[in-house]
Amino acid sequence: MKDLKNTGFSTQAIHGGNDIDGETGAIRRPITMANSYALPYDPSEMNWSSSAANLYTRNGGANQGYLQEKLALLSGTEDCIVLASGVAALSGLFFSILNSGDHVIFSSVTYIAAYRLLNELFNGKFQVETTIVDTTDLEKVKAAVRPNTKLIHIETPGNPTTSVTDIAAIAVIAHKNNAYLSVDNTFASPYNQRPASLGADFVIESLTKYINGHGDAMGGAILGKKQLLDPIRSQAQINLGGTISPFNAWLIMRGAVTLPLRMRQHNESAIQIAKFLESANGVRFVAYPGLTNHPQHKISKKQMSGFGGMIAFGLNTDHNGHNKFVKNLKIITSAVSLGHDETLIVFLGENDERQYLYPDEFHGGFFRLSVGLEDTADLIEDLKQALLVNL
């Protein structure tokens, strides 16, 4: 295996987890679609729930292992668990480390599945106490801590408002109170932000998004220290069965090779589009961490090397006007998800159940725009013509 620890991000993206196939000599790891692997001469003393060696794909397979190696390298962490989706990673983490009577603080701006898991499922079914906090306000986080606080979970930038939380400062609060810090890093990707280097105990990535980057595979990852991840691997992967398929692991492995190239383009296009929207007639507000008027712009500059491809914005129009705007787009696609090669937009209306947690400017309905890899000028022209039709 190549020693890549001291190489650059692009070199790691290409070579991490890859090697020459011992059987064929291929310079790319093959897809191993088997669900079972050969047993040793005497398997009677084997631990059938072990992930130490290839045994059964639910316990861990070859392609999953290669991808885990690449992602740990890119994220600067000791270990990685790859699961079937980003939500499998979130639920696997929460299920494995939380017990009845524990308390969790989580961001007021989070992915809907994280909100439902912590605000409804874990407290309703498992008696885990949860508190929703604006984690951009450190004093509110400190005030929410209890003697039984086990975990602080943040998402930064937050989905869908792009709010930014100070990872290093929250890590200090968590560790001072003997709690863990988990960070959903999906909006940033490891190219723009490395939460583990800022003190996070667990990093969550929805591999479906930027790391895969092509809108054709699902996966999720939990990253951190091996000692913390081993129990999660046993519970969330092996015993709950949230394993990624070999084919999806292979697709994401392939997609991750171009992550640095894609992220540079996402970053460059998004700032240009955000500035265009900021000055365009008919736009009510724009939220993008790279804009100087973003409430957490200074924190973003401190902990991010790039601001990502996610923009939130709203129009000076009513509910139907927002939908009319989307209908008139010619290049940008109306669809959920993010981090794809093509630009995606979704209208989040006034009936969003979490709207009460968002800043006032978001209350009239707004868009979440995932800036893709098309020519920036074409995207701006598409937005411009749709705005003109809407006025």
Protein backbone atom coordinates (compact mmCIF):
# COMPACT_ATOMS: atom_id res chain seq x y z
CA MET A 1 0.00 0.00 0.00
CA LYS A 2 1.10 3.56 -0.75
CA ASP A 3 1.98 5.91 2.11
CA LEU A 4 -0.26 8.91 1.39
CA LYS A 5 -0.50 10.64 4.77
CA ASN A 6 1.77 13.52 3.78
CA THR A 7 0.45 13.98 0.25
CA GLY A 8 -1.99 16.61 -0.99
CA PHE A 9 -5.77 16.31 -1.12
CA SER A 10 -5.94 15.65 -4.87
CA THR A 11 -3.30 12.93 -4.66
CA GLN A 12 -5.20 11.32 -1.79
CA ALA A 13 -8.49 11.53 -3.71
CA ILE A 14 -6.94 9.61 -6.62
CA HIS A 15 -4.78 7.06 -4.83
CA GLY A 16 -6.52 6.58 -1.45
CA GLY A 17 -8.00 3.09 -1.09
CA ASN A 18 -6.77 2.08 -4.54
CA ASP A 19 -4.02 -0.38 -5.44
CA ILE A 20 -3.09 -2.92 -8.10
CA ASP A 21 -5.42 -5.91 -8.07
CA GLY A 22 -3.39 -8.94 -7.05
CA GLU A 23 -5.21 -11.41 -9.30
CA THR A 24 -5.58 -9.51 -12.59
CA GLY A 25 -3.00 -6.74 -12.34
CA ALA A 26 -5.71 -4.13 -12.96
CA ILE A 27 -4.72 -0.69 -11.66
CA ARG A 28 -8.24 -0.09 -10.35
CA ARG A 29 -9.90 -2.06 -7.55
CA PRO A 30 -12.59 -4.29 -9.08
CA ILE A 31 -16.21 -4.55 -7.95
CA THR A 32 -16.55 -7.57 -5.69
CA MET A 33 -20.25 -8.42 -5.81
CA ALA A 34 -20.02 -11.50 -3.56
CA ASN A 35 -22.05 -11.58 -0.36
CA SER A 36 -19.85 -14.28 1.21
CA TYR A 37 -16.12 -14.91 1.51
CA ALA A 38 -14.12 -18.13 1.95
CA LEU A 39 -13.80 -19.38 5.51
CA PRO A 40 -10.52 -20.58 7.09
CA TYR A 41 -9.78 -24.28 7.63
CA ASP A 42 -11.40 -24.25 11.08
CA PRO A 43 -14.13 -21.57 11.31
CA SER A 44 -15.68 -22.93 14.51
CA GLU A 45 -14.09 -20.30 16.74
CA MET A 46 -14.89 -17.34 14.49
CA ASN A 47 -16.94 -14.41 15.78
CA TRP A 48 -19.82 -14.31 13.29
CA SER A 49 -20.44 -10.65 14.16
CA SER A 50 -16.88 -9.54 13.53
CA SER A 51 -15.74 -7.09 10.88
CA ALA A 52 -12.06 -7.94 11.34
CA ALA A 53 -11.87 -10.03 8.15
CA ASN A 54 -14.02 -10.43 5.06
CA LEU A 55 -16.70 -12.93 6.06
CA TYR A 56 -20.13 -11.77 4.92
CA THR A 57 -20.87 -8.47 3.18
CA ARG A 58 -23.15 -7.28 6.00
CA ASN A 59 -20.08 -7.49 8.25
CA GLY A 60 -18.10 -5.51 5.67
CA GLY A 61 -16.99 -6.11 2.12
CA ALA A 62 -13.96 -5.41 0.00
CA ASN A 63 -15.30 -2.34 -1.81
CA GLN A 64 -16.59 -0.86 1.40
CA GLY A 65 -13.15 -1.27 2.94
CA TYR A 66 -11.41 0.48 0.05
CA LEU A 67 -13.83 3.42 0.27
CA GLN A 68 -13.43 3.68 4.04
CA GLU A 69 -9.66 3.94 3.59
CA LYS A 70 -10.04 6.76 1.06
CA LEU A 71 -12.53 8.76 3.13
CA ALA A 72 -10.52 8.53 6.36
CA LEU A 73 -7.52 9.82 4.45
CA LEU A 74 -9.47 12.73 2.93
CA SER A 75 -11.08 13.65 6.25
CA GLY A 76 -7.91 13.36 8.34
CA THR A 77 -9.45 10.77 10.67
CA GLU A 78 -8.22 7.49 12.07
CA ASP A 79 -11.15 5.37 10.94
CA CYS A 80 -14.34 5.40 8.89
CA ILE A 81 -17.58 3.40 8.67
CA VAL A 82 -19.43 3.50 5.35
CA LEU A 83 -23.14 2.70 5.44
CA ALA A 84 -26.05 2.56 3.01
CA SER A 85 -27.03 6.25 3.17
CA GLY A 86 -26.42 9.48 5.04
CA VAL A 87 -29.48 8.79 7.17
CA ALA A 88 -28.13 5.31 7.97
CA ALA A 89 -24.99 7.06 9.25
CA LEU A 90 -26.99 9.51 11.37
CA SER A 91 -29.34 6.90 12.83
CA GLY A 92 -26.47 4.43 13.33
CA LEU A 93 -24.48 6.98 15.29
CA PHE A 94 -27.42 8.01 17.47
CA PHE A 95 -28.59 4.43 18.07
CA SER A 96 -25.13 3.24 19.03
CA ILE A 97 -24.05 5.94 21.49
CA LEU A 98 -27.32 7.08 23.07
CA ASN A 99 -29.18 5.36 25.90
CA SER A 100 -32.47 6.08 27.64
CA GLY A 101 -32.04 9.05 29.96
CA ASP A 102 -29.25 10.65 27.91
CA HIS A 103 -29.64 14.23 26.71
CA VAL A 104 -28.82 15.55 23.22
CA ILE A 105 -28.43 19.14 22.08
CA PHE A 106 -28.87 19.59 18.33
CA SER A 107 -28.87 22.43 15.84
CA SER A 108 -32.10 24.25 15.04
CA VAL A 109 -31.09 23.98 11.38
CA THR A 110 -30.55 20.35 10.38
CA TYR A 111 -31.47 17.91 7.67
CA ILE A 112 -35.11 16.83 8.07
CA ALA A 113 -34.19 13.21 8.93
CA ALA A 114 -31.88 14.34 11.76
CA TYR A 115 -34.66 16.59 13.04
CA ARG A 116 -37.18 13.73 12.98
CA LEU A 117 -34.77 11.20 14.52
CA LEU A 118 -33.91 13.43 17.47
CA ASN A 119 -37.10 15.47 17.87
CA GLU A 120 -39.54 12.58 17.48
CA LEU A 121 -38.12 9.06 17.28
CA PHE A 122 -35.39 8.91 19.91
CA ASN A 123 -37.23 10.85 22.59
CA GLY A 124 -40.59 9.22 21.82
CA LYS A 125 -39.43 5.60 21.57
CA PHE A 126 -36.24 5.52 23.62
CA GLN A 127 -36.72 8.32 26.18
CA VAL A 128 -33.67 10.24 25.03
CA GLU A 129 -34.05 13.87 26.05
CA THR A 130 -33.47 16.37 23.24
CA THR A 131 -33.10 20.15 23.10
CA ILE A 132 -33.17 22.18 19.88
CA VAL A 133 -30.75 25.11 20.04
CA ASP A 134 -29.50 27.81 17.68
CA THR A 135 -25.95 26.49 17.80
CA THR A 136 -24.61 29.63 16.12
CA ASP A 137 -25.16 31.24 19.55
CA LEU A 138 -22.56 29.78 21.93
CA GLU A 139 -24.27 31.14 25.03
CA LYS A 140 -27.47 29.32 24.14
CA VAL A 141 -25.51 26.10 23.73
CA LYS A 142 -23.83 26.54 27.12
CA ALA A 143 -27.19 27.25 28.74
CA ALA A 144 -28.71 24.08 27.27
CA VAL A 145 -26.10 21.72 28.72
CA ARG A 146 -27.35 19.37 31.46
CA PRO A 147 -25.54 16.87 33.70
CA ASN A 148 -26.81 14.05 31.43
CA THR A 149 -25.85 15.69 28.12
CA LYS A 150 -24.21 12.93 26.09
CA LEU A 151 -24.02 14.47 22.63
CA ILE A 152 -24.06 17.82 20.85
CA HIS A 153 -24.97 17.37 17.19
CA ILE A 154 -24.42 20.23 14.76
CA GLU A 155 -24.71 20.68 11.03
CA THR A 156 -22.53 23.34 9.45
CA PRO A 157 -23.29 24.85 7.04
CA GLY A 158 -26.83 23.99 8.03
CA ASN A 159 -29.41 22.53 5.67
CA PRO A 160 -31.26 24.45 4.28
CA THR A 161 -30.46 27.97 5.57
CA THR A 162 -26.61 27.79 5.32
CA SER A 163 -26.19 28.86 8.97
CA VAL A 164 -22.62 28.27 10.20
CA THR A 165 -21.63 27.01 13.65
CA ASP A 166 -18.20 27.47 15.23
CA ILE A 167 -17.00 23.85 15.41
CA ALA A 168 -13.94 24.46 17.59
CA ALA A 169 -15.91 26.50 20.14
CA ILE A 170 -18.69 23.91 20.38
CA ALA A 171 -16.06 21.16 20.79
CA VAL A 172 -14.69 22.98 23.83
CA ILE A 173 -18.17 23.22 25.34
CA ALA A 174 -18.92 19.55 24.67
CA HIS A 175 -15.65 18.18 26.03
CA LYS A 176 -15.72 20.45 29.08
CA ASN A 177 -19.03 18.77 29.94
CA ASN A 178 -17.90 15.21 29.08
CA ALA A 179 -20.09 15.10 25.99
CA TYR A 180 -19.35 14.09 22.42
CA LEU A 181 -19.56 16.42 19.42
CA SER A 182 -20.84 15.15 16.07
CA VAL A 183 -20.75 17.32 12.96
CA ASP A 184 -22.72 16.75 9.77
CA ASN A 185 -20.25 17.99 7.16
CA THR A 186 -22.33 17.21 4.06
CA PHE A 187 -22.78 20.81 2.81
CA ALA A 188 -19.03 21.46 3.06
CA SER A 189 -17.40 18.12 2.15
CA PRO A 190 -13.92 17.28 3.45
CA TYR A 191 -12.45 19.44 0.68
CA ASN A 192 -13.81 22.62 2.29
CA GLN A 193 -13.89 21.64 5.96
CA ARG A 194 -12.36 19.02 8.26
CA PRO A 195 -14.35 18.97 11.52
CA ALA A 196 -12.15 16.33 13.19
CA SER A 197 -9.19 18.72 13.08
CA LEU A 198 -11.38 21.28 14.90
CA GLY A 199 -12.27 18.92 17.74
CA ALA A 200 -15.27 16.91 16.50
CA ASP A 201 -15.49 13.36 17.83
CA PHE A 202 -17.69 12.16 14.96
CA VAL A 203 -18.02 13.48 11.41
CA ILE A 204 -21.02 12.55 9.27
CA GLU A 205 -20.94 12.70 5.48
CA SER A 206 -23.82 11.91 3.16
CA LEU A 207 -21.75 10.32 0.42
CA THR A 208 -24.78 10.58 -1.86
CA LYS A 209 -24.03 14.27 -2.25
CA TYR A 210 -20.67 15.92 -3.03
CA ILE A 211 -18.37 12.97 -2.42
CA ASN A 212 -20.14 10.83 -5.02
CA GLY A 213 -21.02 13.91 -7.03
CA HIS A 214 -22.89 12.29 -9.91
CA GLY A 215 -26.40 11.70 -8.54
CA ASP A 216 -26.25 7.95 -9.13
CA ALA A 217 -25.41 6.26 -5.81
CA MET A 218 -26.32 6.45 -2.14
CA GLY A 219 -24.07 6.11 0.88
CA GLY A 220 -23.16 7.62 4.23
CA ALA A 221 -20.09 7.72 6.43
CA ILE A 222 -19.23 8.12 10.10
CA LEU A 223 -15.63 9.19 10.67
CA GLY A 224 -13.54 9.47 13.82
CA LYS A 225 -11.24 7.52 16.11
CA LYS A 226 -11.23 3.74 15.80
CA GLN A 227 -11.95 3.25 19.50
CA LEU A 228 -15.17 5.25 19.17
CA LEU A 229 -16.19 3.76 15.84
CA ASP A 230 -15.74 0.05 16.62
CA PRO A 231 -18.94 -0.24 18.73
CA ILE A 232 -20.88 1.72 16.08
CA ARG A 233 -19.63 -0.62 13.34
CA SER A 234 -20.83 -3.61 15.34
CA GLN A 235 -24.25 -2.18 16.13
CA ALA A 236 -25.22 0.04 13.19
CA GLN A 237 -23.68 -2.01 10.40
CA ILE A 238 -23.55 -5.63 11.46
CA ASN A 239 -26.50 -5.95 13.83
CA LEU A 240 -28.83 -3.35 12.30
CA GLY A 241 -27.75 -4.20 8.75
CA GLY A 242 -27.22 -0.71 7.35
CA THR A 243 -24.49 -1.95 5.00
CA ILE A 244 -23.69 -0.27 1.71
CA SER A 245 -23.86 -2.39 -1.45
CA PRO A 246 -20.55 -3.21 -3.17
CA PHE A 247 -21.72 -1.47 -6.36
CA ASN A 248 -22.63 1.77 -4.59
CA ALA A 249 -19.32 1.68 -2.71
CA TRP A 250 -17.51 1.27 -6.03
CA LEU A 251 -19.47 4.12 -7.67
CA ILE A 252 -18.72 6.48 -4.78
CA MET A 253 -15.07 5.42 -4.81
CA ARG A 254 -14.95 6.39 -8.48
CA GLY A 255 -16.82 9.66 -7.94
CA ALA A 256 -14.57 10.75 -5.08
CA VAL A 257 -11.54 10.81 -7.40
CA THR A 258 -12.77 14.09 -8.90
CA LEU A 259 -13.98 15.62 -5.62
CA PRO A 260 -11.27 18.33 -5.47
CA LEU A 261 -11.84 19.37 -9.08
CA ARG A 262 -15.59 19.48 -8.65
CA MET A 263 -15.49 21.34 -5.34
CA ARG A 264 -13.28 24.06 -6.78
CA GLN A 265 -15.87 24.62 -9.52
CA HIS A 266 -18.80 24.47 -7.09
CA ASN A 267 -17.07 27.05 -4.88
CA GLU A 268 -16.19 29.39 -7.74
CA SER A 269 -19.60 29.27 -9.41
CA ALA A 270 -21.59 29.59 -6.19
CA ILE A 271 -19.92 32.83 -5.08
CA GLN A 272 -20.52 34.39 -8.50
CA ILE A 273 -24.16 33.29 -8.51
CA ALA A 274 -24.70 34.46 -4.92
CA LYS A 275 -23.34 37.90 -5.80
CA PHE A 276 -25.58 38.04 -8.88
CA LEU A 277 -28.66 37.14 -6.82
CA GLU A 278 -27.69 39.67 -4.16
CA SER A 279 -27.96 42.49 -6.70
CA ALA A 280 -30.85 41.14 -8.82
CA ASN A 281 -34.28 42.78 -8.91
CA GLY A 282 -37.00 40.70 -7.32
CA VAL A 283 -34.73 38.81 -4.89
CA ARG A 284 -35.79 39.22 -1.26
CA PHE A 285 -32.68 37.78 0.41
CA VAL A 286 -29.62 35.62 -0.31
CA ALA A 287 -27.84 33.40 2.24
CA TYR A 288 -24.40 32.10 1.32
CA PRO A 289 -21.44 31.80 3.72
CA GLY A 290 -19.11 33.38 1.17
CA LEU A 291 -21.03 36.67 1.14
CA THR A 292 -19.68 39.29 3.54
CA ASN A 293 -23.20 40.03 4.82
CA HIS A 294 -23.78 36.41 5.89
CA PRO A 295 -24.25 36.46 9.70
CA GLN A 296 -21.47 33.90 10.22
CA HIS A 297 -19.15 34.94 7.38
CA LYS A 298 -16.17 35.46 9.72
CA ILE A 299 -16.57 32.02 11.27
CA SER A 300 -16.92 30.51 7.79
CA LYS A 301 -13.62 32.09 6.74
CA LYS A 302 -11.95 30.77 9.89
CA GLN A 303 -12.96 27.11 9.57
CA MET A 304 -13.63 26.60 5.86
CA SER A 305 -11.20 26.67 2.94
CA GLY A 306 -14.09 27.20 0.50
CA PHE A 307 -17.76 28.06 0.98
CA GLY A 308 -19.39 25.25 -1.01
CA GLY A 309 -22.10 25.18 -3.64
CA MET A 310 -25.25 25.66 -1.52
CA ILE A 311 -27.23 28.92 -1.66
CA ALA A 312 -30.56 29.82 -0.05
CA PHE A 313 -32.60 32.69 -1.46
CA GLY A 314 -36.14 34.00 -1.59
CA LEU A 315 -38.09 36.23 -3.97
CA ASN A 316 -40.34 39.23 -3.49
CA THR A 317 -43.38 37.21 -4.50
CA ASP A 318 -46.03 34.88 -3.16
CA HIS A 319 -46.20 31.07 -3.01
CA ASN A 320 -47.32 30.73 -6.63
CA GLY A 321 -44.67 33.21 -7.78
CA HIS A 322 -41.91 31.02 -6.35
CA ASN A 323 -43.29 27.98 -8.20
CA LYS A 324 -43.69 30.01 -11.40
CA PHE A 325 -40.02 31.01 -11.19
CA VAL A 326 -38.93 27.36 -11.01
CA LYS A 327 -41.20 26.40 -13.92
CA ASN A 328 -39.48 29.00 -16.10
CA LEU A 329 -35.96 27.75 -15.47
CA LYS A 330 -34.51 26.12 -18.58
CA ILE A 331 -31.21 24.60 -17.38
CA ILE A 332 -31.59 24.32 -13.60
CA THR A 333 -33.50 21.20 -12.53
CA SER A 334 -36.23 21.13 -9.88
CA ALA A 335 -35.26 18.14 -7.72
CA VAL A 336 -34.18 17.23 -4.20
CA SER A 337 -30.65 16.24 -3.20
CA LEU A 338 -27.50 18.29 -3.74
CA GLY A 339 -23.87 18.09 -4.77
CA HIS A 340 -24.70 16.69 -8.23
CA ASP A 341 -22.97 17.63 -11.44
CA GLU A 342 -26.16 19.40 -12.54
CA THR A 343 -27.65 22.37 -10.71
CA LEU A 344 -30.70 21.53 -8.59
CA ILE A 345 -33.31 23.77 -6.99
CA VAL A 346 -36.09 23.01 -4.51
CA PHE A 347 -38.81 25.37 -3.24
CA LEU A 348 -39.38 25.14 0.51
CA GLY A 349 -42.79 26.60 1.19
CA GLU A 350 -44.36 28.31 4.16
CA ASN A 351 -45.70 25.01 5.51
CA ASP A 352 -42.24 23.61 6.35
CA GLU A 353 -42.67 22.21 9.88
CA ARG A 354 -39.28 23.62 10.95
CA GLN A 355 -39.89 27.13 9.65
CA TYR A 356 -40.39 28.47 13.19
CA LEU A 357 -36.73 27.66 13.82
CA TYR A 358 -35.45 29.71 10.87
CA PRO A 359 -34.59 33.44 10.74
CA ASP A 360 -37.46 35.75 9.77
CA GLU A 361 -36.39 36.24 6.14
CA PHE A 362 -36.97 32.53 5.46
CA HIS A 363 -40.62 32.61 6.56
CA GLY A 364 -42.12 33.62 3.22
CA GLY A 365 -40.89 30.51 1.46
CA PHE A 366 -37.47 30.19 -0.16
CA PHE A 367 -35.26 28.17 -2.47
CA ARG A 368 -32.35 25.85 -1.77
CA LEU A 369 -30.03 26.01 -4.76
CA SER A 370 -27.31 23.40 -5.28
CA VAL A 371 -24.92 24.95 -7.78
CA GLY A 372 -23.62 22.37 -10.25
CA LEU A 373 -20.80 22.20 -12.76
CA GLU A 374 -22.39 23.89 -15.77
CA ASP A 375 -20.84 27.07 -17.17
CA THR A 376 -21.43 29.76 -14.57
CA ALA A 377 -22.55 32.28 -17.17
CA ASP A 378 -25.26 29.88 -18.38
CA LEU A 379 -26.58 29.40 -14.86
CA ILE A 380 -26.69 33.14 -14.21
CA GLU A 381 -28.46 33.70 -17.52
CA ASP A 382 -31.02 31.02 -16.62
CA LEU A 383 -31.74 32.65 -13.27
CA LYS A 384 -31.89 36.09 -14.90
CA GLN A 385 -34.44 35.11 -17.54
CA ALA A 386 -36.65 33.34 -14.98
CA LEU A 387 -36.57 36.44 -12.77
CA LEU A 388 -37.58 38.64 -15.71
CA VAL A 389 -40.55 36.40 -16.47
CA ASN A 390 -41.53 36.54 -12.81
CA LEU A 391 -41.45 40.35 -12.51
